[in-house]
Amino acid sequence: MNIKPKNKTTETMDLIRQFEYLRDLPGYFFVKNSNSYYQSVSEDFAHALGWNSISQAIGKSDYNIPSGASELAKEFINIDQKIINSNKPGIIIQMFHSACGFKSFLSQKKPIHDNTGKAIGIICNGTDITKLVLKEYGYLNQLDRKFITNLKPKQYILTPEFSPLPISQRQQECLSWFIRGKTAKEIALILGISYRTVEIHIQTIKHRLGCQNKSQLIEKAIDSGFLFHVPEIMLGLNIPKMNRK
């Protein structure tokens, strides 16, 4: 989606005007500018995050959210900036304490461009998947319990391009299960590939990351934040792919 290039103030006003229609749509939608301030939101989104009206959300950042979702403000803004800086869409699962209780949302974020192709903001469509992923999330939370305590807010990034580690999508799938205690044989069964292929992927990752052993690999992966970069297959989701540049 393109708009004409303008200065920052004019860009913000254009975003507000262009996406004003979102407030009338059912569901969870929002637009942010390049600094991650809300410029337009749907009524359902505003209420879910604890605002009493749409107007209360406009011009605010995630740090101003009046519910437990603000605990993920830094993570929300970080992924916004990755999308803007890379000029690529992103798919994220966000779990937090909303004004309506603990919720899980599948968020598909896409950059908004001016007519030069520069990303000047993001538009997001969120889907409440709390019930849909209850089983898969419960299992994932159980796997992650040794690293994360309690049912705390989390953001899982499903877009392979945003991984903090320089490894392929298949290697990300192998490593995601590996750091959660799965053996190469178990990973092979889950992914439908050979045991030997999994071993090769793990060895390749070790070499690429400069790790001497598997324990060092697990430690480095977790320290990088990779624990929160989760392949879709791990949550049993089949998400339609967004158009990518």
Protein backbone atom coordinates (compact mmCIF):
# COMPACT_ATOMS: atom_id res chain seq x y z
CA MET A 1 0.00 0.00 0.00
CA ASN A 2 1.55 3.29 -1.12
CA ILE A 3 1.16 6.94 -0.18
CA LYS A 4 3.08 9.98 -1.36
CA PRO A 5 6.35 10.82 0.45
CA LYS A 6 5.89 13.64 2.98
CA ASN A 7 7.60 15.05 6.03
CA LYS A 8 7.03 13.20 9.33
CA THR A 9 4.13 15.36 10.53
CA THR A 10 2.33 15.17 7.19
CA GLU A 11 3.00 11.43 6.95
CA THR A 12 1.34 10.94 10.33
CA MET A 13 -1.74 12.96 9.31
CA ASP A 14 -1.97 11.01 6.06
CA LEU A 15 -1.85 7.69 7.91
CA ILE A 16 -4.61 8.84 10.26
CA ARG A 17 -6.82 9.97 7.36
CA GLN A 18 -6.08 7.07 5.03
CA PHE A 19 -6.79 4.37 7.61
CA GLU A 20 -9.60 6.03 9.52
CA TYR A 21 -11.94 3.37 8.13
CA LEU A 22 -10.32 0.75 10.39
CA ARG A 23 -12.28 2.06 13.38
CA ASP A 24 -15.51 0.79 11.79
CA LEU A 25 -14.26 -2.72 11.02
CA PRO A 26 -15.04 -5.69 13.27
CA GLY A 27 -11.94 -7.48 14.51
CA TYR A 28 -8.45 -6.44 15.53
CA PHE A 29 -6.72 -3.93 13.26
CA PHE A 30 -4.25 -1.13 13.76
CA VAL A 31 -1.84 1.16 11.93
CA LYS A 32 1.37 2.56 13.43
CA ASN A 33 3.77 5.13 12.06
CA SER A 34 7.50 4.50 11.61
CA ASN A 35 8.09 5.31 15.29
CA SER A 36 5.53 2.71 16.41
CA TYR A 37 2.84 5.15 17.55
CA TYR A 38 -0.77 4.15 16.88
CA GLN A 39 -2.40 6.18 14.09
CA SER A 40 -5.60 4.19 13.59
CA VAL A 41 -7.15 1.25 15.45
CA SER A 42 -10.37 -0.73 15.35
CA GLU A 43 -12.77 -0.53 18.27
CA ASP A 44 -12.30 -4.22 19.13
CA PHE A 45 -8.53 -3.76 19.28
CA ALA A 46 -8.74 -0.66 21.47
CA HIS A 47 -11.07 -2.36 23.95
CA ALA A 48 -9.05 -5.60 24.06
CA LEU A 49 -5.97 -3.65 25.11
CA GLY A 50 -7.84 -1.72 27.78
CA TRP A 51 -8.61 1.63 26.17
CA ASN A 52 -12.17 2.88 26.66
CA SER A 53 -12.32 4.45 23.22
CA ILE A 54 -10.45 4.57 19.93
CA SER A 55 -9.38 8.17 20.54
CA GLN A 56 -7.50 7.14 23.70
CA ALA A 57 -5.22 4.89 21.62
CA ILE A 58 -4.33 7.37 18.86
CA GLY A 59 -0.83 8.79 19.25
CA LYS A 60 0.05 6.33 22.01
CA SER A 61 2.83 3.74 22.05
CA ASP A 62 2.77 0.18 23.37
CA TYR A 63 4.25 1.45 26.63
CA ASN A 64 0.99 3.36 27.16
CA ILE A 65 -1.28 0.31 26.85
CA PRO A 66 -3.49 0.22 29.99
CA SER A 67 -3.37 -3.57 30.39
CA GLY A 68 -0.84 -6.36 30.86
CA ALA A 69 -0.02 -6.23 27.15
CA SER A 70 2.29 -3.30 27.95
CA GLU A 71 4.72 -5.84 29.45
CA LEU A 72 5.55 -6.80 25.86
CA ALA A 73 5.94 -3.20 24.66
CA LYS A 74 9.65 -3.58 23.91
CA GLU A 75 9.06 -6.80 21.97
CA PHE A 76 6.13 -5.30 20.03
CA ILE A 77 8.19 -2.30 18.99
CA ASN A 78 11.25 -4.40 18.11
CA ILE A 79 9.29 -6.49 15.62
CA ASP A 80 7.66 -3.34 14.19
CA GLN A 81 11.10 -1.92 13.49
CA LYS A 82 12.33 -5.18 11.94
CA ILE A 83 9.39 -5.08 9.54
CA ILE A 84 9.98 -1.42 8.66
CA ASN A 85 13.77 -1.76 8.31
CA SER A 86 13.60 -4.98 6.28
CA ASN A 87 10.57 -3.82 4.28
CA LYS A 88 9.08 -7.30 4.73
CA PRO A 89 5.87 -8.56 6.36
CA GLY A 90 5.96 -10.55 9.58
CA ILE A 91 3.80 -13.16 11.29
CA ILE A 92 3.81 -13.24 15.09
CA ILE A 93 1.96 -14.98 17.90
CA GLN A 94 1.51 -12.74 20.93
CA MET A 95 0.30 -13.98 24.31
CA PHE A 96 -0.47 -11.50 27.05
CA HIS A 97 -2.89 -10.38 29.75
CA SER A 98 -5.44 -8.26 27.89
CA ALA A 99 -8.38 -6.36 29.34
CA CYS A 100 -10.40 -9.55 28.68
CA GLY A 101 -8.01 -12.00 30.36
CA PHE A 102 -5.04 -13.97 29.04
CA LYS A 103 -5.24 -13.92 25.24
CA SER A 104 -3.34 -15.26 22.26
CA PHE A 105 -3.34 -13.37 18.95
CA LEU A 106 -1.99 -14.29 15.55
CA SER A 107 -0.77 -10.97 14.15
CA GLN A 108 0.10 -10.41 10.52
CA LYS A 109 1.98 -7.16 10.09
CA LYS A 110 2.83 -5.55 6.77
CA PRO A 111 4.78 -2.38 5.93
CA ILE A 112 3.02 0.67 4.50
CA HIS A 113 5.01 2.39 1.73
CA ASP A 114 5.19 5.80 0.18
CA ASN A 115 5.39 5.95 -3.63
CA THR A 116 9.19 5.58 -3.52
CA GLY A 117 8.87 2.19 -1.83
CA LYS A 118 10.06 3.43 1.55
CA ALA A 119 8.33 1.84 4.55
CA ILE A 120 6.72 4.59 6.63
CA GLY A 121 4.56 2.52 8.96
CA ILE A 122 2.86 -0.83 9.47
CA ILE A 123 -0.67 -2.19 9.23
CA CYS A 124 -1.66 -5.19 11.34
CA ASN A 125 -4.53 -7.66 11.22
CA GLY A 126 -4.86 -9.66 14.44
CA THR A 127 -6.88 -12.84 14.97
CA ASP A 128 -7.87 -14.09 18.40
CA ILE A 129 -6.58 -17.68 18.42
CA THR A 130 -6.70 -18.26 22.17
CA LYS A 131 -8.93 -21.33 21.85
CA LEU A 132 -7.35 -22.60 18.65
CA VAL A 133 -3.82 -22.81 20.04
CA LEU A 134 -4.71 -23.74 23.62
CA LYS A 135 -3.47 -27.32 23.23
CA GLU A 136 -0.38 -26.44 21.19
CA TYR A 137 0.51 -23.51 23.42
CA GLY A 138 0.10 -25.62 26.54
CA TYR A 139 2.57 -28.10 25.10
CA LEU A 140 4.98 -25.36 24.04
CA ASN A 141 4.74 -23.72 27.45
CA GLN A 142 5.52 -27.08 29.05
CA LEU A 143 8.60 -27.47 26.85
CA ASP A 144 9.76 -23.95 27.66
CA ARG A 145 9.10 -24.15 31.39
CA LYS A 146 12.75 -24.86 32.21
CA PHE A 147 13.64 -21.53 30.56
CA ILE A 148 10.56 -19.42 31.38
CA THR A 149 8.65 -19.44 34.65
CA ASN A 150 4.90 -18.94 34.99
CA LEU A 151 2.32 -18.04 32.36
CA LYS A 152 3.99 -14.76 31.51
CA PRO A 153 3.44 -12.64 28.39
CA LYS A 154 5.32 -13.89 25.35
CA GLN A 155 5.80 -13.04 21.72
CA TYR A 156 6.67 -15.87 19.34
CA ILE A 157 7.90 -14.79 15.91
CA LEU A 158 6.99 -17.16 13.07
CA THR A 159 8.72 -15.33 10.22
CA PRO A 160 11.97 -17.22 9.42
CA GLU A 161 13.65 -14.12 7.98
CA PHE A 162 13.61 -12.45 11.40
CA SER A 163 15.58 -15.18 13.16
CA PRO A 164 18.47 -13.84 15.28
CA LEU A 165 20.63 -16.72 13.99
CA PRO A 166 22.01 -16.96 10.42
CA ILE A 167 20.53 -20.39 9.63
CA SER A 168 18.06 -21.75 7.07
CA GLN A 169 14.36 -22.30 7.70
CA ARG A 170 14.79 -26.09 7.96
CA GLN A 171 17.71 -25.60 10.34
CA GLN A 172 15.52 -23.31 12.44
CA GLU A 173 12.90 -26.07 12.64
CA CYS A 174 15.50 -28.61 13.77
CA LEU A 175 17.07 -26.26 16.31
CA SER A 176 13.70 -25.21 17.77
CA TRP A 177 12.94 -28.81 18.70
CA PHE A 178 16.55 -29.59 19.66
CA ILE A 179 16.83 -26.85 22.29
CA ARG A 180 13.59 -28.14 23.81
CA GLY A 181 15.08 -31.56 24.42
CA LYS A 182 14.05 -33.56 21.37
CA THR A 183 16.51 -36.13 20.02
CA ALA A 184 17.54 -36.28 16.38
CA LYS A 185 15.31 -39.33 15.86
CA GLU A 186 12.31 -37.57 17.41
CA ILE A 187 12.93 -34.46 15.30
CA ALA A 188 13.18 -36.62 12.17
CA LEU A 189 9.76 -38.12 12.88
CA ILE A 190 8.19 -34.71 13.54
CA LEU A 191 9.61 -33.11 10.39
CA GLY A 192 9.29 -36.16 8.14
CA ILE A 193 12.97 -36.24 7.24
CA SER A 194 15.75 -38.73 7.90
CA TYR A 195 17.60 -39.00 11.19
CA ARG A 196 20.87 -38.47 9.32
CA THR A 197 19.58 -35.24 7.76
CA VAL A 198 18.71 -33.88 11.20
CA GLU A 199 22.21 -34.75 12.46
CA ILE A 200 23.75 -32.95 9.49
CA HIS A 201 21.62 -29.87 10.16
CA ILE A 202 22.62 -29.79 13.85
CA GLN A 203 26.32 -30.21 13.01
CA THR A 204 26.08 -27.47 10.38
CA ILE A 205 24.46 -25.10 12.89
CA LYS A 206 27.17 -25.87 15.48
CA HIS A 207 29.89 -25.08 12.98
CA ARG A 208 28.19 -21.90 11.72
CA LEU A 209 27.72 -20.56 15.26
CA GLY A 210 31.20 -21.55 16.41
CA CYS A 211 30.01 -24.01 19.05
CA GLN A 212 32.17 -26.89 20.26
CA ASN A 213 29.38 -29.10 21.59
CA LYS A 214 25.60 -29.41 21.80
CA SER A 215 25.38 -27.83 25.25
CA GLN A 216 27.17 -24.75 23.98
CA LEU A 217 24.82 -24.66 20.98
CA ILE A 218 21.73 -24.73 23.21
CA GLU A 219 23.13 -21.99 25.44
CA LYS A 220 24.02 -19.77 22.49
CA ALA A 221 20.62 -20.26 20.84
CA ILE A 222 18.73 -19.34 24.01
CA ASP A 223 20.98 -16.35 24.76
CA SER A 224 20.30 -15.01 21.24
CA GLY A 225 16.55 -14.98 21.82
CA PHE A 226 15.97 -17.85 19.39
CA LEU A 227 13.64 -19.52 21.90
CA PHE A 228 10.97 -17.04 20.82
CA HIS A 229 11.42 -17.67 17.08
CA VAL A 230 9.08 -20.60 16.53
CA PRO A 231 8.35 -22.47 13.27
CA GLU A 232 4.66 -22.74 12.37
CA ILE A 233 4.91 -26.53 12.50
CA MET A 234 5.61 -26.37 16.23
CA LEU A 235 2.19 -24.85 16.91
CA GLY A 236 0.32 -26.98 14.41
CA LEU A 237 -0.67 -23.92 12.40
CA ASN A 238 -1.19 -23.62 8.67
CA ILE A 239 -0.93 -19.90 8.04
CA PRO A 240 -1.52 -18.45 4.56
CA LYS A 241 1.65 -16.78 3.34
CA MET A 242 1.62 -13.02 2.96
CA ASN A 243 2.97 -11.43 -0.18
CA ARG A 244 6.68 -10.76 0.22
CA LYS A 245 8.84 -8.26 -1.56
